[in-house]
Amino acid sequence: MQFDYVNLILRILHLLAAFAAAGGAIYARFALVPVLSSLPVEQRGELQASLAARWSKVVMASIGILLVSGLANFLLFVLGMKQQPWVETWKGTYVLFYHSL
């Protein structure tokens, strides 16, 4: 049996992107917001603008990786189930896609 490295890499990328997006949100809520509330208003605004500019790039990249790797994992799953005749039809693919949402 041959090991599927592509599937492994896609799953790892998917998990890392999810961890980055969720971990950043948790950090911002529980560590950053309390510190920001102790700063003066003008410093708080500058810091929030700087953080938003930097962090939005990470979040956008994470969401892009999540979408691409999730779709690729789904397609690999569907294409790997060729032994079942109900998956080979368009209706079967639609049912799998509909129920995965």
C-alpha atoms as a PDB file:
ATOM      1  CA  MET A   1       0.000   0.000   0.000  1.00  0.00           C
ATOM      2  CA  GLN A   2       1.385   3.369  -1.034  1.00  0.00           C
ATOM      3  CA  PHE A   3       1.196   6.303   1.384  1.00  0.00           C
ATOM      4  CA  ASP A   4      -0.645   9.375   0.077  1.00  0.00           C
ATOM      5  CA  TYR A   5       1.627  12.359   0.756  1.00  0.00           C
ATOM      6  CA  VAL A   6      -0.571  14.836  -1.116  1.00  0.00           C
ATOM      7  CA  ASN A   7      -3.541  14.097   1.120  1.00  0.00           C
ATOM      8  CA  LEU A   8      -1.371  14.393   4.236  1.00  0.00           C
ATOM      9  CA  ILE A   9       0.102  17.735   3.156  1.00  0.00           C
ATOM     10  CA  LEU A  10      -3.332  19.129   2.281  1.00  0.00           C
ATOM     11  CA  ARG A  11      -4.730  18.125   5.655  1.00  0.00           C
ATOM     12  CA  ILE A  12      -1.769  19.607   7.528  1.00  0.00           C
ATOM     13  CA  LEU A  13      -2.092  22.883   5.595  1.00  0.00           C
ATOM     14  CA  HIS A  14      -5.815  22.935   6.345  1.00  0.00           C
ATOM     15  CA  LEU A  15      -5.238  22.426  10.070  1.00  0.00           C
ATOM     16  CA  LEU A  16      -2.426  24.996  10.270  1.00  0.00           C
ATOM     17  CA  ALA A  17      -4.568  27.616   8.534  1.00  0.00           C
ATOM     18  CA  ALA A  18      -7.457  26.902  10.905  1.00  0.00           C
ATOM     19  CA  PHE A  19      -5.144  27.129  13.920  1.00  0.00           C
ATOM     20  CA  ALA A  20      -3.705  30.443  12.711  1.00  0.00           C
ATOM     21  CA  ALA A  21      -7.119  32.024  12.141  1.00  0.00           C
ATOM     22  CA  ALA A  22      -8.731  30.717  15.324  1.00  0.00           C
ATOM     23  CA  GLY A  23      -5.639  31.167  17.485  1.00  0.00           C
ATOM     24  CA  GLY A  24      -5.210  34.748  16.352  1.00  0.00           C
ATOM     25  CA  ALA A  25      -8.808  35.560  17.185  1.00  0.00           C
ATOM     26  CA  ILE A  26      -8.502  33.984  20.644  1.00  0.00           C
ATOM     27  CA  TYR A  27      -5.231  35.824  21.298  1.00  0.00           C
ATOM     28  CA  ALA A  28      -6.721  39.131  20.205  1.00  0.00           C
ATOM     29  CA  ARG A  29      -9.790  38.701  22.392  1.00  0.00           C
ATOM     30  CA  PHE A  30      -8.181  37.478  25.604  1.00  0.00           C
ATOM     31  CA  ALA A  31      -4.674  38.997  25.520  1.00  0.00           C
ATOM     32  CA  LEU A  32      -4.677  42.012  23.245  1.00  0.00           C
ATOM     33  CA  VAL A  33      -8.003  43.689  24.033  1.00  0.00           C
ATOM     34  CA  PRO A  34      -7.287  44.000  27.785  1.00  0.00           C
ATOM     35  CA  VAL A  35      -3.885  45.578  27.073  1.00  0.00           C
ATOM     36  CA  LEU A  36      -5.343  47.966  24.499  1.00  0.00           C
ATOM     37  CA  SER A  37      -7.973  49.166  26.943  1.00  0.00           C
ATOM     38  CA  SER A  38      -5.224  50.403  29.282  1.00  0.00           C
ATOM     39  CA  LEU A  39      -3.589  52.594  26.602  1.00  0.00           C
ATOM     40  CA  PRO A  40      -4.497  56.222  25.875  1.00  0.00           C
ATOM     41  CA  VAL A  41      -7.012  56.710  23.067  1.00  0.00           C
ATOM     42  CA  GLU A  42      -4.564  58.078  20.469  1.00  0.00           C
ATOM     43  CA  GLN A  43      -2.050  55.278  21.018  1.00  0.00           C
ATOM     44  CA  ARG A  44      -4.829  52.692  20.985  1.00  0.00           C
ATOM     45  CA  GLY A  45      -6.061  53.901  17.592  1.00  0.00           C
ATOM     46  CA  GLU A  46      -2.604  53.807  16.046  1.00  0.00           C
ATOM     47  CA  LEU A  47      -1.864  50.368  17.425  1.00  0.00           C
ATOM     48  CA  GLN A  48      -5.231  48.972  16.317  1.00  0.00           C
ATOM     49  CA  ALA A  49      -4.724  50.319  12.787  1.00  0.00           C
ATOM     50  CA  SER A  50      -1.232  48.825  12.612  1.00  0.00           C
ATOM     51  CA  LEU A  51      -2.388  45.458  13.938  1.00  0.00           C
ATOM     52  CA  ALA A  52      -5.390  45.345  11.607  1.00  0.00           C
ATOM     53  CA  ALA A  53      -3.188  46.049   8.577  1.00  0.00           C
ATOM     54  CA  ARG A  54      -0.792  43.246   9.469  1.00  0.00           C
ATOM     55  CA  TRP A  55      -3.223  40.678  10.813  1.00  0.00           C
ATOM     56  CA  SER A  56      -5.741  41.023   7.978  1.00  0.00           C
ATOM     57  CA  LYS A  57      -3.111  39.638   5.572  1.00  0.00           C
ATOM     58  CA  VAL A  58      -2.629  36.569   7.759  1.00  0.00           C
ATOM     59  CA  VAL A  59      -6.378  36.018   8.090  1.00  0.00           C
ATOM     60  CA  MET A  60      -6.965  36.411   4.346  1.00  0.00           C
ATOM     61  CA  ALA A  61      -4.174  33.933   3.576  1.00  0.00           C
ATOM     62  CA  SER A  62      -5.541  31.496   6.166  1.00  0.00           C
ATOM     63  CA  ILE A  63      -9.038  31.686   4.718  1.00  0.00           C
ATOM     64  CA  GLY A  64      -7.687  31.187   1.206  1.00  0.00           C
ATOM     65  CA  ILE A  65      -5.692  28.145   2.308  1.00  0.00           C
ATOM     66  CA  LEU A  66      -8.734  26.792   4.168  1.00  0.00           C
ATOM     67  CA  LEU A  67     -10.928  27.124   1.072  1.00  0.00           C
ATOM     68  CA  VAL A  68      -8.416  25.616  -1.350  1.00  0.00           C
ATOM     69  CA  SER A  69      -7.306  22.760   0.894  1.00  0.00           C
ATOM     70  CA  GLY A  70     -10.879  22.016   1.971  1.00  0.00           C
ATOM     71  CA  LEU A  71     -12.068  21.816  -1.627  1.00  0.00           C
ATOM     72  CA  ALA A  72      -9.062  19.693  -2.591  1.00  0.00           C
ATOM     73  CA  ASN A  73      -9.657  17.345   0.351  1.00  0.00           C
ATOM     74  CA  PHE A  74     -13.314  17.062  -0.632  1.00  0.00           C
ATOM     75  CA  LEU A  75     -12.489  16.289  -4.260  1.00  0.00           C
ATOM     76  CA  LEU A  76      -9.875  13.712  -3.266  1.00  0.00           C
ATOM     77  CA  PHE A  77     -12.446  12.107  -0.979  1.00  0.00           C
ATOM     78  CA  VAL A  78     -15.102  11.975  -3.688  1.00  0.00           C
ATOM     79  CA  LEU A  79     -12.703  10.747  -6.370  1.00  0.00           C
ATOM     80  CA  GLY A  80     -11.322   8.120  -4.007  1.00  0.00           C
ATOM     81  CA  MET A  81     -14.758   6.565  -3.562  1.00  0.00           C
ATOM     82  CA  LYS A  82     -15.059   5.291  -7.154  1.00  0.00           C
ATOM     83  CA  GLN A  83     -15.840   1.775  -5.928  1.00  0.00           C
ATOM     84  CA  GLN A  84     -19.295   2.914  -4.840  1.00  0.00           C
ATOM     85  CA  PRO A  85     -21.584   3.458  -7.859  1.00  0.00           C
ATOM     86  CA  TRP A  86     -23.796   6.113  -6.227  1.00  0.00           C
ATOM     87  CA  VAL A  87     -20.828   8.476  -5.914  1.00  0.00           C
ATOM     88  CA  GLU A  88     -19.970   8.269  -9.617  1.00  0.00           C
ATOM     89  CA  THR A  89     -23.170  10.007 -10.602  1.00  0.00           C
ATOM     90  CA  TRP A  90     -23.658  13.753 -10.491  1.00  0.00           C
ATOM     91  CA  LYS A  91     -26.538  13.261  -8.090  1.00  0.00           C
ATOM     92  CA  GLY A  92     -24.291  11.351  -5.697  1.00  0.00           C
ATOM     93  CA  THR A  93     -21.674  14.094  -5.851  1.00  0.00           C
ATOM     94  CA  TYR A  94     -24.363  16.686  -5.181  1.00  0.00           C
ATOM     95  CA  VAL A  95     -25.640  14.711  -2.183  1.00  0.00           C
ATOM     96  CA  LEU A  96     -22.124  14.396  -0.753  1.00  0.00           C
ATOM     97  CA  PHE A  97     -21.423  18.098  -1.290  1.00  0.00           C
ATOM     98  CA  TYR A  98     -24.794  19.188   0.103  1.00  0.00           C
ATOM     99  CA  HIS A  99     -24.423  17.096   3.257  1.00  0.00           C
ATOM    100  CA  SER A 100     -20.836  18.199   3.821  1.00  0.00           C
ATOM    101  CA  LEU A 101     -21.994  21.791   4.293  1.00  0.00           C
END
